[in-house]
Amino acid sequence: MKSTASQLAIMVLFSVAIVQVAGSVDFARLRAESHWSQSHWLADSNDNRYDALNKWNEEKLPSGSSESHSTLSPIEMLYSKQSFKGCTDPSAPFQCPQSEQCIALQFICNGQPNDCPGNSDENEETCIAIKRPAKENIEIFFRVEYILHGLRLFKFLFGKNFSKTIAKNMPYWLEALASAFSVSKNILIFGTKLRMSSEDLAHFRRIIQKIHEGLLEEIPLFAQEAVYQGLGSFIEKLNESGFMEE
């Protein structure tokens, strides 16, 4: 009887060891395959077509939704290609805001009037949003990063004071951050929308510059992991869309 119990215990320990090794191999592969080392992340942005579609999808991810437990990696969630539900014709997939009219993607922010009622497709924030990841994907990405790294990642990014504000109502601030990232023309407008202090905004600017310049040795290990999980790609996308210009 004791011999059987000992054999069972050995088998359990052996199984745990295999899982741990497999997890280590997967993490090493993630870092090895990362595109962070490229001069420009997300060079192939698919013309930001899906960003434009998702900008106007106002459905919120319900708390406890199965999507929050997706098997996708954080970077895949940030740039996932979700189809917009309002327009079914592939040749005209963009639904005009507050309208049932659908238009082709090339008509969005093309400088021409009357594509959408009230020229809503030429709105400045719309034209900014199509250059950025979709708001919904940004929110999901930061939610996943919070699960992985906790509040310390937000403290690292946004400073001690603003991270305390975020901690008081995490669901609200995840949505607010996603919205501000999506439509803010630059970092100053971003800070104004979120009512960040000048100290916290200056801190955020320094962190973005360090990651953009590849100075990973100057940031904590958990932040380096976040960079490889998609934060670096996201920050590069912000820079490409003029976020750091004033």
C-alpha atoms as a PDB file:
ATOM      1  CA  MET A   1       0.000   0.000   0.000  1.00  0.00           C
ATOM      2  CA  LYS A   2       2.839   2.363   0.930  1.00  0.00           C
ATOM      3  CA  SER A   3       4.616   1.438  -2.281  1.00  0.00           C
ATOM      4  CA  THR A   4       1.539   2.394  -4.333  1.00  0.00           C
ATOM      5  CA  ALA A   5       1.219   5.751  -2.535  1.00  0.00           C
ATOM      6  CA  SER A   6       4.895   6.506  -3.108  1.00  0.00           C
ATOM      7  CA  GLN A   7       4.592   5.721  -6.781  1.00  0.00           C
ATOM      8  CA  LEU A   8       1.560   8.015  -7.077  1.00  0.00           C
ATOM      9  CA  ALA A   9       3.399  10.850  -5.347  1.00  0.00           C
ATOM     10  CA  ILE A  10       6.372  10.467  -7.690  1.00  0.00           C
ATOM     11  CA  MET A  11       4.074  10.587 -10.727  1.00  0.00           C
ATOM     12  CA  VAL A  12       2.401  13.815  -9.472  1.00  0.00           C
ATOM     13  CA  LEU A  13       5.745  15.520  -8.828  1.00  0.00           C
ATOM     14  CA  PHE A  14       6.974  14.453 -12.266  1.00  0.00           C
ATOM     15  CA  SER A  15       3.855  15.949 -13.918  1.00  0.00           C
ATOM     16  CA  VAL A  16       4.302  19.265 -12.063  1.00  0.00           C
ATOM     17  CA  ALA A  17       7.933  19.428 -13.176  1.00  0.00           C
ATOM     18  CA  ILE A  18       6.915  18.927 -16.817  1.00  0.00           C
ATOM     19  CA  VAL A  19       4.344  21.762 -16.589  1.00  0.00           C
ATOM     20  CA  GLN A  20       6.909  24.121 -15.043  1.00  0.00           C
ATOM     21  CA  VAL A  21       9.499  23.362 -17.731  1.00  0.00           C
ATOM     22  CA  ALA A  22       6.912  23.807 -20.480  1.00  0.00           C
ATOM     23  CA  GLY A  23       5.895  27.179 -19.019  1.00  0.00           C
ATOM     24  CA  SER A  24       9.522  28.318 -18.923  1.00  0.00           C
ATOM     25  CA  VAL A  25      10.052  27.236 -22.527  1.00  0.00           C
ATOM     26  CA  ASP A  26       6.925  29.122 -23.648  1.00  0.00           C
ATOM     27  CA  PHE A  27       8.066  32.308 -21.896  1.00  0.00           C
ATOM     28  CA  ALA A  28      11.549  32.035 -23.419  1.00  0.00           C
ATOM     29  CA  ARG A  29       9.980  31.517 -26.843  1.00  0.00           C
ATOM     30  CA  LEU A  30       7.774  34.607 -26.362  1.00  0.00           C
ATOM     31  CA  ARG A  31      10.826  36.771 -25.703  1.00  0.00           C
ATOM     32  CA  ALA A  32      12.845  35.172 -28.519  1.00  0.00           C
ATOM     33  CA  GLU A  33      10.075  35.661 -31.058  1.00  0.00           C
ATOM     34  CA  SER A  34       9.257  39.209 -29.933  1.00  0.00           C
ATOM     35  CA  HIS A  35       9.349  41.897 -32.631  1.00  0.00           C
ATOM     36  CA  TRP A  36      10.341  44.567 -30.110  1.00  0.00           C
ATOM     37  CA  SER A  37      13.893  44.657 -31.458  1.00  0.00           C
ATOM     38  CA  GLN A  38      12.639  45.940 -34.820  1.00  0.00           C
ATOM     39  CA  SER A  39      13.054  49.669 -35.478  1.00  0.00           C
ATOM     40  CA  HIS A  40       9.291  50.077 -35.888  1.00  0.00           C
ATOM     41  CA  TRP A  41       6.702  47.848 -34.260  1.00  0.00           C
ATOM     42  CA  LEU A  42       3.575  46.965 -36.191  1.00  0.00           C
ATOM     43  CA  ALA A  43       4.920  48.163 -39.517  1.00  0.00           C
ATOM     44  CA  ASP A  44       2.053  46.265 -41.136  1.00  0.00           C
ATOM     45  CA  SER A  45      -0.979  47.883 -39.549  1.00  0.00           C
ATOM     46  CA  ASN A  46      -3.480  46.598 -42.134  1.00  0.00           C
ATOM     47  CA  ASP A  47      -4.189  50.245 -42.946  1.00  0.00           C
ATOM     48  CA  ASN A  48      -5.797  50.515 -39.496  1.00  0.00           C
ATOM     49  CA  ARG A  49      -9.044  49.293 -41.011  1.00  0.00           C
ATOM     50  CA  TYR A  50     -10.189  47.385 -37.988  1.00  0.00           C
ATOM     51  CA  ASP A  51      -9.248  50.241 -35.665  1.00  0.00           C
ATOM     52  CA  ALA A  52     -11.770  52.422 -37.505  1.00  0.00           C
ATOM     53  CA  LEU A  53     -14.463  49.792 -37.308  1.00  0.00           C
ATOM     54  CA  ASN A  54     -14.030  49.151 -33.603  1.00  0.00           C
ATOM     55  CA  LYS A  55     -13.877  52.831 -32.645  1.00  0.00           C
ATOM     56  CA  TRP A  56     -17.646  53.072 -32.935  1.00  0.00           C
ATOM     57  CA  ASN A  57     -18.482  49.790 -31.235  1.00  0.00           C
ATOM     58  CA  GLU A  58     -19.750  51.050 -27.885  1.00  0.00           C
ATOM     59  CA  GLU A  59     -20.517  47.647 -26.401  1.00  0.00           C
ATOM     60  CA  LYS A  60     -18.715  47.154 -23.086  1.00  0.00           C
ATOM     61  CA  LEU A  61     -17.065  43.894 -22.121  1.00  0.00           C
ATOM     62  CA  PRO A  62     -19.248  42.532 -19.297  1.00  0.00           C
ATOM     63  CA  SER A  63     -17.570  41.788 -15.999  1.00  0.00           C
ATOM     64  CA  GLY A  64     -16.738  38.108 -15.816  1.00  0.00           C
ATOM     65  CA  SER A  65     -17.177  37.675 -19.556  1.00  0.00           C
ATOM     66  CA  SER A  66     -15.477  34.668 -21.085  1.00  0.00           C
ATOM     67  CA  GLU A  67     -13.569  37.123 -23.296  1.00  0.00           C
ATOM     68  CA  SER A  68     -11.663  38.319 -20.241  1.00  0.00           C
ATOM     69  CA  HIS A  69     -10.273  34.791 -19.950  1.00  0.00           C
ATOM     70  CA  SER A  70      -9.283  34.580 -23.609  1.00  0.00           C
ATOM     71  CA  THR A  71      -6.345  32.395 -24.587  1.00  0.00           C
ATOM     72  CA  LEU A  72      -5.032  35.217 -26.795  1.00  0.00           C
ATOM     73  CA  SER A  73      -1.806  36.889 -25.734  1.00  0.00           C
ATOM     74  CA  PRO A  74      -1.956  40.551 -24.601  1.00  0.00           C
ATOM     75  CA  ILE A  75      -0.526  41.768 -27.916  1.00  0.00           C
ATOM     76  CA  GLU A  76      -3.085  39.696 -29.869  1.00  0.00           C
ATOM     77  CA  MET A  77      -5.876  41.234 -27.792  1.00  0.00           C
ATOM     78  CA  LEU A  78      -4.526  44.723 -28.391  1.00  0.00           C
ATOM     79  CA  TYR A  79      -4.641  44.308 -32.158  1.00  0.00           C
ATOM     80  CA  SER A  80      -7.342  41.671 -32.531  1.00  0.00           C
ATOM     81  CA  LYS A  81      -9.449  41.969 -35.675  1.00  0.00           C
ATOM     82  CA  GLN A  82     -13.057  42.150 -34.558  1.00  0.00           C
ATOM     83  CA  SER A  83     -15.789  42.634 -37.147  1.00  0.00           C
ATOM     84  CA  PHE A  84     -18.188  45.527 -36.719  1.00  0.00           C
ATOM     85  CA  LYS A  85     -21.774  44.332 -36.282  1.00  0.00           C
ATOM     86  CA  GLY A  86     -23.667  47.287 -37.718  1.00  0.00           C
ATOM     87  CA  CYS A  87     -22.691  47.072 -41.412  1.00  0.00           C
ATOM     88  CA  THR A  88     -22.844  43.777 -43.288  1.00  0.00           C
ATOM     89  CA  ASP A  89     -21.663  44.846 -46.762  1.00  0.00           C
ATOM     90  CA  PRO A  90     -17.876  44.207 -46.944  1.00  0.00           C
ATOM     91  CA  SER A  91     -17.471  47.045 -49.437  1.00  0.00           C
ATOM     92  CA  ALA A  92     -18.939  49.580 -46.952  1.00  0.00           C
ATOM     93  CA  PRO A  93     -18.105  48.297 -43.461  1.00  0.00           C
ATOM     94  CA  PHE A  94     -17.916  51.610 -41.548  1.00  0.00           C
ATOM     95  CA  GLN A  95     -21.123  52.809 -39.872  1.00  0.00           C
ATOM     96  CA  CYS A  96     -21.459  56.560 -39.641  1.00  0.00           C
ATOM     97  CA  PRO A  97     -21.756  57.739 -36.011  1.00  0.00           C
ATOM     98  CA  GLN A  98     -25.372  58.088 -34.849  1.00  0.00           C
ATOM     99  CA  SER A  99     -26.569  56.895 -38.241  1.00  0.00           C
ATOM    100  CA  GLU A 100     -27.454  53.674 -40.040  1.00  0.00           C
ATOM    101  CA  GLN A 101     -25.490  54.771 -43.106  1.00  0.00           C
ATOM    102  CA  CYS A 102     -22.439  52.689 -44.004  1.00  0.00           C
ATOM    103  CA  ILE A 103     -19.479  53.887 -46.067  1.00  0.00           C
ATOM    104  CA  ALA A 104     -16.284  52.445 -47.539  1.00  0.00           C
ATOM    105  CA  LEU A 105     -13.122  52.757 -45.459  1.00  0.00           C
ATOM    106  CA  GLN A 106     -11.383  55.016 -47.977  1.00  0.00           C
ATOM    107  CA  PHE A 107     -14.021  57.695 -47.361  1.00  0.00           C
ATOM    108  CA  ILE A 108     -13.112  58.051 -43.663  1.00  0.00           C
ATOM    109  CA  CYS A 109     -11.115  61.243 -43.050  1.00  0.00           C
ATOM    110  CA  ASN A 110     -10.580  61.848 -46.764  1.00  0.00           C
ATOM    111  CA  GLY A 111     -11.290  65.570 -46.519  1.00  0.00           C
ATOM    112  CA  GLN A 112     -14.473  65.279 -48.587  1.00  0.00           C
ATOM    113  CA  PRO A 113     -17.887  66.393 -47.231  1.00  0.00           C
ATOM    114  CA  ASN A 114     -21.171  64.473 -47.190  1.00  0.00           C
ATOM    115  CA  ASP A 115     -19.755  60.947 -46.865  1.00  0.00           C
ATOM    116  CA  CYS A 116     -21.561  60.710 -43.517  1.00  0.00           C
ATOM    117  CA  PRO A 117     -24.427  62.882 -42.251  1.00  0.00           C
ATOM    118  CA  GLY A 118     -23.016  66.003 -40.677  1.00  0.00           C
ATOM    119  CA  ASN A 119     -19.525  65.062 -41.918  1.00  0.00           C
ATOM    120  CA  SER A 120     -19.124  62.968 -38.781  1.00  0.00           C
ATOM    121  CA  ASP A 121     -16.505  60.801 -40.495  1.00  0.00           C
ATOM    122  CA  GLU A 122     -14.255  63.891 -40.706  1.00  0.00           C
ATOM    123  CA  ASN A 123     -14.365  64.564 -36.965  1.00  0.00           C
ATOM    124  CA  GLU A 124     -10.850  65.200 -35.597  1.00  0.00           C
ATOM    125  CA  GLU A 125     -11.097  62.518 -32.921  1.00  0.00           C
ATOM    126  CA  THR A 126     -12.344  60.006 -35.491  1.00  0.00           C
ATOM    127  CA  CYS A 127      -9.349  60.755 -37.696  1.00  0.00           C
ATOM    128  CA  ILE A 128      -7.022  60.293 -34.723  1.00  0.00           C
ATOM    129  CA  ALA A 129      -8.709  57.069 -33.640  1.00  0.00           C
ATOM    130  CA  ILE A 130      -8.221  55.324 -36.989  1.00  0.00           C
ATOM    131  CA  LYS A 131      -4.452  55.696 -36.504  1.00  0.00           C
ATOM    132  CA  ARG A 132      -4.554  54.019 -33.088  1.00  0.00           C
ATOM    133  CA  PRO A 133      -5.546  50.584 -31.767  1.00  0.00           C
ATOM    134  CA  ALA A 134      -9.274  50.359 -31.089  1.00  0.00           C
ATOM    135  CA  LYS A 135     -10.474  51.661 -27.732  1.00  0.00           C
ATOM    136  CA  GLU A 136     -11.983  48.302 -26.796  1.00  0.00           C
ATOM    137  CA  ASN A 137      -8.718  46.498 -27.528  1.00  0.00           C
ATOM    138  CA  ILE A 138      -6.688  49.022 -25.527  1.00  0.00           C
ATOM    139  CA  GLU A 139      -8.993  48.503 -22.546  1.00  0.00           C
ATOM    140  CA  ILE A 140      -8.713  44.719 -22.755  1.00  0.00           C
ATOM    141  CA  PHE A 141      -4.926  44.957 -23.117  1.00  0.00           C
ATOM    142  CA  PHE A 142      -4.468  47.050 -19.973  1.00  0.00           C
ATOM    143  CA  ARG A 143      -6.905  44.835 -18.091  1.00  0.00           C
ATOM    144  CA  VAL A 144      -4.788  41.804 -18.931  1.00  0.00           C
ATOM    145  CA  GLU A 145      -1.581  43.638 -18.031  1.00  0.00           C
ATOM    146  CA  TYR A 146      -3.130  44.558 -14.686  1.00  0.00           C
ATOM    147  CA  ILE A 147      -3.867  40.878 -14.052  1.00  0.00           C
ATOM    148  CA  LEU A 148      -0.280  39.986 -14.933  1.00  0.00           C
ATOM    149  CA  HIS A 149       1.579  42.798 -13.154  1.00  0.00           C
ATOM    150  CA  GLY A 150      -0.831  44.447 -10.760  1.00  0.00           C
ATOM    151  CA  LEU A 151      -0.959  48.128  -9.854  1.00  0.00           C
ATOM    152  CA  ARG A 152       2.833  48.429  -9.951  1.00  0.00           C
ATOM    153  CA  LEU A 153       2.703  48.638 -13.769  1.00  0.00           C
ATOM    154  CA  PHE A 154       0.373  51.662 -13.609  1.00  0.00           C
ATOM    155  CA  LYS A 155       2.596  53.246 -10.964  1.00  0.00           C
ATOM    156  CA  PHE A 156       5.588  52.674 -13.244  1.00  0.00           C
ATOM    157  CA  LEU A 157       3.791  54.212 -16.233  1.00  0.00           C
ATOM    158  CA  PHE A 158       1.790  57.065 -14.757  1.00  0.00           C
ATOM    159  CA  GLY A 159       3.451  57.915 -11.454  1.00  0.00           C
ATOM    160  CA  LYS A 160       2.590  57.352  -7.809  1.00  0.00           C
ATOM    161  CA  ASN A 161      -0.207  59.889  -7.424  1.00  0.00           C
ATOM    162  CA  PHE A 162      -2.202  59.054 -10.546  1.00  0.00           C
ATOM    163  CA  SER A 163      -1.839  55.315  -9.944  1.00  0.00           C
ATOM    164  CA  LYS A 164      -3.493  55.811  -6.540  1.00  0.00           C
ATOM    165  CA  THR A 165      -6.424  57.459  -8.310  1.00  0.00           C
ATOM    166  CA  ILE A 166      -6.642  54.531 -10.733  1.00  0.00           C
ATOM    167  CA  ALA A 167      -6.627  52.030  -7.876  1.00  0.00           C
ATOM    168  CA  LYS A 168      -9.753  53.599  -6.332  1.00  0.00           C
ATOM    169  CA  ASN A 169     -11.927  52.628  -9.327  1.00  0.00           C
ATOM    170  CA  MET A 170     -10.022  50.339 -11.670  1.00  0.00           C
ATOM    171  CA  PRO A 171     -12.894  49.473 -14.110  1.00  0.00           C
ATOM    172  CA  TYR A 172     -13.720  53.162 -14.646  1.00  0.00           C
ATOM    173  CA  TRP A 173     -10.095  54.190 -15.168  1.00  0.00           C
ATOM    174  CA  LEU A 174      -9.308  51.338 -17.545  1.00  0.00           C
ATOM    175  CA  GLU A 175     -12.090  52.593 -19.797  1.00  0.00           C
ATOM    176  CA  ALA A 176     -11.041  56.225 -19.313  1.00  0.00           C
ATOM    177  CA  LEU A 177      -7.419  55.435 -20.181  1.00  0.00           C
ATOM    178  CA  ALA A 178      -8.469  53.507 -23.285  1.00  0.00           C
ATOM    179  CA  SER A 179     -10.713  56.343 -24.450  1.00  0.00           C
ATOM    180  CA  ALA A 180      -8.038  58.996 -23.877  1.00  0.00           C
ATOM    181  CA  PHE A 181      -5.368  56.947 -25.653  1.00  0.00           C
ATOM    182  CA  SER A 182      -7.726  56.395 -28.571  1.00  0.00           C
ATOM    183  CA  VAL A 183      -8.701  59.985 -29.365  1.00  0.00           C
ATOM    184  CA  SER A 184      -6.142  62.334 -27.746  1.00  0.00           C
ATOM    185  CA  LYS A 185      -4.177  64.166 -30.428  1.00  0.00           C
ATOM    186  CA  ASN A 186      -1.102  64.402 -28.225  1.00  0.00           C
ATOM    187  CA  ILE A 187       0.178  63.727 -24.726  1.00  0.00           C
ATOM    188  CA  LEU A 188      -0.866  67.142 -23.415  1.00  0.00           C
ATOM    189  CA  ILE A 189      -4.492  66.592 -24.429  1.00  0.00           C
ATOM    190  CA  PHE A 190      -4.251  63.090 -22.958  1.00  0.00           C
ATOM    191  CA  GLY A 191      -3.157  64.547 -19.611  1.00  0.00           C
ATOM    192  CA  THR A 192      -5.892  67.185 -19.716  1.00  0.00           C
ATOM    193  CA  LYS A 193      -8.620  64.612 -20.399  1.00  0.00           C
ATOM    194  CA  LEU A 194      -7.493  62.523 -17.425  1.00  0.00           C
ATOM    195  CA  ARG A 195      -6.692  65.530 -15.204  1.00  0.00           C
ATOM    196  CA  MET A 196      -3.174  64.320 -14.575  1.00  0.00           C
ATOM    197  CA  SER A 197      -0.829  66.506 -12.565  1.00  0.00           C
ATOM    198  CA  SER A 198       2.093  68.083 -14.399  1.00  0.00           C
ATOM    199  CA  GLU A 199       4.421  65.910 -12.317  1.00  0.00           C
ATOM    200  CA  ASP A 200       2.710  62.657 -13.289  1.00  0.00           C
ATOM    201  CA  LEU A 201       2.456  63.710 -16.930  1.00  0.00           C
ATOM    202  CA  ALA A 202       6.186  64.510 -17.015  1.00  0.00           C
ATOM    203  CA  HIS A 203       6.870  61.095 -15.476  1.00  0.00           C
ATOM    204  CA  PHE A 204       4.720  59.386 -18.130  1.00  0.00           C
ATOM    205  CA  ARG A 205       6.542  61.275 -20.890  1.00  0.00           C
ATOM    206  CA  ARG A 206       9.934  60.091 -19.576  1.00  0.00           C
ATOM    207  CA  ILE A 207       8.775  56.462 -19.451  1.00  0.00           C
ATOM    208  CA  ILE A 208       7.454  56.593 -23.027  1.00  0.00           C
ATOM    209  CA  GLN A 209      10.737  58.049 -24.238  1.00  0.00           C
ATOM    210  CA  LYS A 210      12.795  55.375 -22.463  1.00  0.00           C
ATOM    211  CA  ILE A 211      10.765  52.547 -23.981  1.00  0.00           C
ATOM    212  CA  HIS A 212      10.724  54.188 -27.406  1.00  0.00           C
ATOM    213  CA  GLU A 213      14.518  54.563 -27.311  1.00  0.00           C
ATOM    214  CA  GLY A 214      14.985  50.969 -26.158  1.00  0.00           C
ATOM    215  CA  LEU A 215      16.526  51.779 -22.784  1.00  0.00           C
ATOM    216  CA  LEU A 216      15.163  48.620 -21.168  1.00  0.00           C
ATOM    217  CA  GLU A 217      18.090  48.316 -18.768  1.00  0.00           C
ATOM    218  CA  GLU A 218      16.748  51.419 -17.014  1.00  0.00           C
ATOM    219  CA  ILE A 219      13.311  49.972 -16.249  1.00  0.00           C
ATOM    220  CA  PRO A 220      12.240  47.162 -13.849  1.00  0.00           C
ATOM    221  CA  LEU A 221      12.090  43.546 -14.981  1.00  0.00           C
ATOM    222  CA  PHE A 222       8.266  43.363 -14.785  1.00  0.00           C
ATOM    223  CA  ALA A 223       8.076  46.457 -17.016  1.00  0.00           C
ATOM    224  CA  GLN A 224      10.468  44.825 -19.489  1.00  0.00           C
ATOM    225  CA  GLU A 225       8.106  41.845 -19.621  1.00  0.00           C
ATOM    226  CA  ALA A 226       5.182  44.206 -20.289  1.00  0.00           C
ATOM    227  CA  VAL A 227       7.153  45.763 -23.154  1.00  0.00           C
ATOM    228  CA  TYR A 228       7.580  42.353 -24.784  1.00  0.00           C
ATOM    229  CA  GLN A 229       3.922  41.497 -24.145  1.00  0.00           C
ATOM    230  CA  GLY A 230       2.759  44.427 -26.273  1.00  0.00           C
ATOM    231  CA  LEU A 231       3.413  47.655 -24.362  1.00  0.00           C
ATOM    232  CA  GLY A 232       6.385  48.447 -26.600  1.00  0.00           C
ATOM    233  CA  SER A 233       4.300  47.981 -29.746  1.00  0.00           C
ATOM    234  CA  PHE A 234       1.541  50.151 -28.327  1.00  0.00           C
ATOM    235  CA  ILE A 235       3.936  52.982 -27.423  1.00  0.00           C
ATOM    236  CA  GLU A 236       5.487  52.869 -30.881  1.00  0.00           C
ATOM    237  CA  LYS A 237       2.017  53.092 -32.395  1.00  0.00           C
ATOM    238  CA  LEU A 238       1.352  56.190 -30.276  1.00  0.00           C
ATOM    239  CA  ASN A 239       4.576  57.783 -31.490  1.00  0.00           C
ATOM    240  CA  GLU A 240       3.779  57.026 -35.132  1.00  0.00           C
ATOM    241  CA  SER A 241       0.383  58.710 -34.783  1.00  0.00           C
ATOM    242  CA  GLY A 242       1.824  61.963 -33.373  1.00  0.00           C
ATOM    243  CA  PHE A 243       1.046  61.373 -29.703  1.00  0.00           C
ATOM    244  CA  MET A 244       4.350  62.874 -28.517  1.00  0.00           C
ATOM    245  CA  GLU A 245       4.105  65.950 -30.752  1.00  0.00           C
ATOM    246  CA  GLU A 246       2.987  69.213 -29.160  1.00  0.00           C
END
